[in-house]
Amino acid sequence: MKKRYDFTQAVENPYAKRLKRSVTIRLDQDTIAFFQSLSRECDRSYPTLISLYLRDCAKSGRRLQLKRMIGSKRGTA
């Protein structure tokens, strides 16, 4: 291993910022607990598992079967 490396000619990866995007979402405790438990079984972080699950849903076109509840507020489950 060299003591010093010359990065003067290095070029920034133009795709690096597009790979992942940080977002804030609110998840109920049961959902978090499920993915945390799963993460201990497969040795991956639970945010990674949530991302993988959502990517799989998006790729396969899976959609939720939402039933509109009478008197419920919009955006609540």
N, C-alpha and C. Protein backbone atom coordinates (compact mmCIF):
# COMPACT_ATOMS: atom_id res chain seq x y z
N MET A 1 0.84 -1.18 0.00
CA MET A 1 0.00 0.00 0.00
C MET A 1 0.89 1.24 0.00
N LYS A 2 0.55 2.18 -0.84
CA LYS A 2 1.33 3.40 -0.94
C LYS A 2 1.05 4.31 0.26
N LYS A 3 2.04 5.12 0.59
CA LYS A 3 1.84 6.09 1.66
C LYS A 3 0.95 7.24 1.19
N ARG A 4 1.08 7.57 -0.08
CA ARG A 4 0.28 8.66 -0.65
C ARG A 4 -0.28 8.25 -2.01
N TYR A 5 -1.46 8.72 -2.28
CA TYR A 5 -2.09 8.48 -3.57
C TYR A 5 -2.38 9.83 -4.23
N ASP A 6 -2.29 9.89 -5.53
CA ASP A 6 -2.53 11.13 -6.26
C ASP A 6 -3.95 11.11 -6.83
N PHE A 7 -4.81 11.93 -6.27
CA PHE A 7 -6.19 12.01 -6.72
C PHE A 7 -6.47 13.29 -7.54
N THR A 8 -5.41 13.94 -7.98
CA THR A 8 -5.59 15.20 -8.71
C THR A 8 -6.31 14.98 -10.04
N GLN A 9 -6.19 13.81 -10.63
CA GLN A 9 -6.85 13.52 -11.90
C GLN A 9 -8.16 12.75 -11.71
N ALA A 10 -8.58 12.56 -10.47
CA ALA A 10 -9.79 11.79 -10.18
C ALA A 10 -11.03 12.53 -10.67
N VAL A 11 -12.02 11.77 -11.09
CA VAL A 11 -13.28 12.33 -11.57
C VAL A 11 -14.39 11.82 -10.65
N GLU A 12 -15.25 12.72 -10.22
CA GLU A 12 -16.36 12.34 -9.35
C GLU A 12 -17.36 11.48 -10.13
N ASN A 13 -17.87 10.46 -9.47
CA ASN A 13 -18.85 9.56 -10.08
C ASN A 13 -20.15 10.34 -10.32
N PRO A 14 -20.57 10.52 -11.57
CA PRO A 14 -21.77 11.30 -11.85
C PRO A 14 -23.06 10.60 -11.42
N TYR A 15 -23.01 9.31 -11.15
CA TYR A 15 -24.20 8.56 -10.77
C TYR A 15 -24.32 8.35 -9.26
N ALA A 16 -23.33 8.74 -8.50
CA ALA A 16 -23.30 8.45 -7.07
C ALA A 16 -24.50 9.04 -6.34
N LYS A 17 -24.90 10.23 -6.67
CA LYS A 17 -26.01 10.86 -5.97
C LYS A 17 -27.36 10.27 -6.35
N ARG A 18 -27.43 9.56 -7.46
CA ARG A 18 -28.69 8.99 -7.91
C ARG A 18 -28.93 7.59 -7.34
N LEU A 19 -27.93 7.00 -6.74
CA LEU A 19 -28.06 5.62 -6.29
C LEU A 19 -29.07 5.47 -5.16
N LYS A 20 -28.96 6.30 -4.15
CA LYS A 20 -29.87 6.24 -3.01
C LYS A 20 -30.31 7.65 -2.68
N ARG A 21 -31.50 7.75 -2.15
CA ARG A 21 -32.02 9.05 -1.74
C ARG A 21 -32.58 8.91 -0.34
N SER A 22 -32.21 9.81 0.52
CA SER A 22 -32.68 9.77 1.90
C SER A 22 -34.08 10.37 1.98
N VAL A 23 -35.01 9.63 2.60
CA VAL A 23 -36.37 10.12 2.83
C VAL A 23 -36.77 9.82 4.26
N THR A 24 -37.72 10.55 4.74
CA THR A 24 -38.25 10.31 6.08
C THR A 24 -39.67 9.81 5.94
N ILE A 25 -39.94 8.64 6.52
CA ILE A 25 -41.31 8.11 6.51
C ILE A 25 -41.66 7.68 7.93
N ARG A 26 -42.92 7.66 8.22
CA ARG A 26 -43.40 7.21 9.53
C ARG A 26 -43.93 5.79 9.37
N LEU A 27 -43.40 4.89 10.19
CA LEU A 27 -43.82 3.50 10.17
C LEU A 27 -44.32 3.12 11.55
N ASP A 28 -45.34 2.28 11.60
CA ASP A 28 -45.83 1.86 12.91
C ASP A 28 -44.84 0.88 13.55
N GLN A 29 -44.93 0.77 14.86
CA GLN A 29 -43.99 -0.05 15.63
C GLN A 29 -43.99 -1.51 15.20
N ASP A 30 -45.17 -2.05 14.87
CA ASP A 30 -45.25 -3.45 14.45
C ASP A 30 -44.47 -3.70 13.16
N THR A 31 -44.54 -2.76 12.23
CA THR A 31 -43.81 -2.89 10.97
C THR A 31 -42.31 -2.84 11.21
N ILE A 32 -41.88 -1.90 12.04
CA ILE A 32 -40.45 -1.79 12.36
C ILE A 32 -39.97 -3.06 13.06
N ALA A 33 -40.74 -3.53 14.02
CA ALA A 33 -40.36 -4.75 14.76
C ALA A 33 -40.25 -5.94 13.82
N PHE A 34 -41.17 -6.05 12.86
CA PHE A 34 -41.12 -7.15 11.90
C PHE A 34 -39.81 -7.13 11.11
N PHE A 35 -39.47 -5.97 10.55
CA PHE A 35 -38.27 -5.87 9.73
C PHE A 35 -37.00 -5.97 10.58
N GLN A 36 -37.04 -5.52 11.83
CA GLN A 36 -35.88 -5.69 12.71
C GLN A 36 -35.66 -7.16 13.02
N SER A 37 -36.74 -7.89 13.27
CA SER A 37 -36.63 -9.32 13.52
C SER A 37 -36.08 -10.04 12.30
N LEU A 38 -36.59 -9.69 11.15
CA LEU A 38 -36.12 -10.28 9.91
C LEU A 38 -34.64 -9.95 9.67
N SER A 39 -34.25 -8.74 10.04
CA SER A 39 -32.86 -8.33 9.83
C SER A 39 -31.89 -9.16 10.68
N ARG A 40 -32.31 -9.55 11.85
CA ARG A 40 -31.46 -10.41 12.69
C ARG A 40 -31.31 -11.80 12.09
N GLU A 41 -32.34 -12.28 11.42
CA GLU A 41 -32.29 -13.60 10.79
C GLU A 41 -31.37 -13.63 9.58
N CYS A 42 -31.37 -12.56 8.78
CA CYS A 42 -30.62 -12.59 7.52
C CYS A 42 -29.40 -11.69 7.51
N ASP A 43 -29.07 -11.10 8.66
CA ASP A 43 -27.85 -10.30 8.80
C ASP A 43 -27.77 -9.13 7.82
N ARG A 44 -28.87 -8.42 7.67
CA ARG A 44 -28.92 -7.18 6.89
C ARG A 44 -29.62 -6.15 7.75
N SER A 45 -29.37 -4.89 7.49
CA SER A 45 -30.03 -3.85 8.27
C SER A 45 -31.51 -3.79 7.91
N TYR A 46 -32.33 -3.39 8.87
CA TYR A 46 -33.77 -3.36 8.57
C TYR A 46 -34.13 -2.28 7.56
N PRO A 47 -33.46 -1.11 7.51
CA PRO A 47 -33.78 -0.17 6.43
C PRO A 47 -33.48 -0.75 5.05
N THR A 48 -32.42 -1.55 4.95
CA THR A 48 -32.10 -2.21 3.68
C THR A 48 -33.20 -3.18 3.31
N LEU A 49 -33.70 -3.94 4.27
CA LEU A 49 -34.78 -4.90 3.99
C LEU A 49 -36.06 -4.19 3.55
N ILE A 50 -36.37 -3.09 4.20
CA ILE A 50 -37.55 -2.32 3.80
C ILE A 50 -37.39 -1.82 2.37
N SER A 51 -36.20 -1.32 2.04
CA SER A 51 -35.93 -0.85 0.68
C SER A 51 -36.05 -1.98 -0.33
N LEU A 52 -35.49 -3.14 0.00
CA LEU A 52 -35.57 -4.29 -0.91
C LEU A 52 -37.02 -4.72 -1.12
N TYR A 53 -37.81 -4.72 -0.05
CA TYR A 53 -39.21 -5.11 -0.15
C TYR A 53 -39.98 -4.13 -1.04
N LEU A 54 -39.77 -2.83 -0.80
CA LEU A 54 -40.47 -1.83 -1.60
C LEU A 54 -40.04 -1.88 -3.06
N ARG A 55 -38.75 -2.12 -3.31
CA ARG A 55 -38.27 -2.25 -4.68
C ARG A 55 -38.92 -3.44 -5.37
N ASP A 56 -39.04 -4.55 -4.63
CA ASP A 56 -39.69 -5.75 -5.19
C ASP A 56 -41.15 -5.46 -5.54
N CYS A 57 -41.84 -4.75 -4.65
CA CYS A 57 -43.24 -4.39 -4.91
C CYS A 57 -43.35 -3.51 -6.16
N ALA A 58 -42.46 -2.52 -6.27
CA ALA A 58 -42.49 -1.62 -7.42
C ALA A 58 -42.16 -2.36 -8.71
N LYS A 59 -41.17 -3.23 -8.66
CA LYS A 59 -40.75 -3.96 -9.86
C LYS A 59 -41.83 -4.92 -10.35
N SER A 60 -42.50 -5.58 -9.41
CA SER A 60 -43.53 -6.55 -9.79
C SER A 60 -44.89 -5.91 -10.02
N GLY A 61 -45.02 -4.62 -9.71
CA GLY A 61 -46.29 -3.93 -9.90
C GLY A 61 -47.34 -4.30 -8.85
N ARG A 62 -46.88 -4.86 -7.75
CA ARG A 62 -47.80 -5.26 -6.68
C ARG A 62 -48.48 -4.02 -6.10
N ARG A 63 -49.77 -4.13 -5.88
CA ARG A 63 -50.53 -3.01 -5.30
C ARG A 63 -51.31 -3.48 -4.09
N LEU A 64 -51.51 -2.57 -3.17
CA LEU A 64 -52.30 -2.86 -1.98
C LEU A 64 -53.78 -2.91 -2.33
N GLN A 65 -54.50 -3.72 -1.64
CA GLN A 65 -55.95 -3.76 -1.77
C GLN A 65 -56.52 -2.88 -0.66
N LEU A 66 -56.64 -1.61 -0.95
CA LEU A 66 -57.12 -0.65 0.05
C LEU A 66 -58.63 -0.61 0.05
N LYS A 67 -59.20 -0.69 1.22
CA LYS A 67 -60.65 -0.55 1.36
C LYS A 67 -60.90 0.77 2.08
N ARG A 68 -61.73 1.56 1.48
CA ARG A 68 -62.04 2.85 2.09
C ARG A 68 -62.95 2.63 3.30
N MET A 69 -62.48 3.10 4.43
CA MET A 69 -63.26 2.94 5.66
C MET A 69 -64.14 4.16 5.85
N ILE A 70 -65.38 3.94 6.19
CA ILE A 70 -66.33 5.02 6.40
C ILE A 70 -65.89 5.85 7.61
N GLY A 71 -65.77 7.15 7.41
CA GLY A 71 -65.42 8.05 8.49
C GLY A 71 -63.93 8.10 8.79
N SER A 72 -63.11 7.40 8.05
CA SER A 72 -61.67 7.44 8.34
C SER A 72 -61.05 8.68 7.72
N LYS A 73 -60.00 9.16 8.34
CA LYS A 73 -59.27 10.30 7.82
C LYS A 73 -58.37 9.85 6.69
N ARG A 74 -58.15 10.71 5.75
CA ARG A 74 -57.27 10.40 4.61
C ARG A 74 -55.84 10.24 5.13
N GLY A 75 -55.16 9.19 4.65
CA GLY A 75 -53.77 8.97 5.00
C GLY A 75 -53.57 8.15 6.26
N THR A 76 -54.63 7.73 6.91
CA THR A 76 -54.47 6.89 8.09
C THR A 76 -54.85 5.47 7.76
N ALA A 77 -54.28 4.55 8.49
CA ALA A 77 -54.58 3.14 8.25
C ALA A 77 -55.46 2.59 9.34
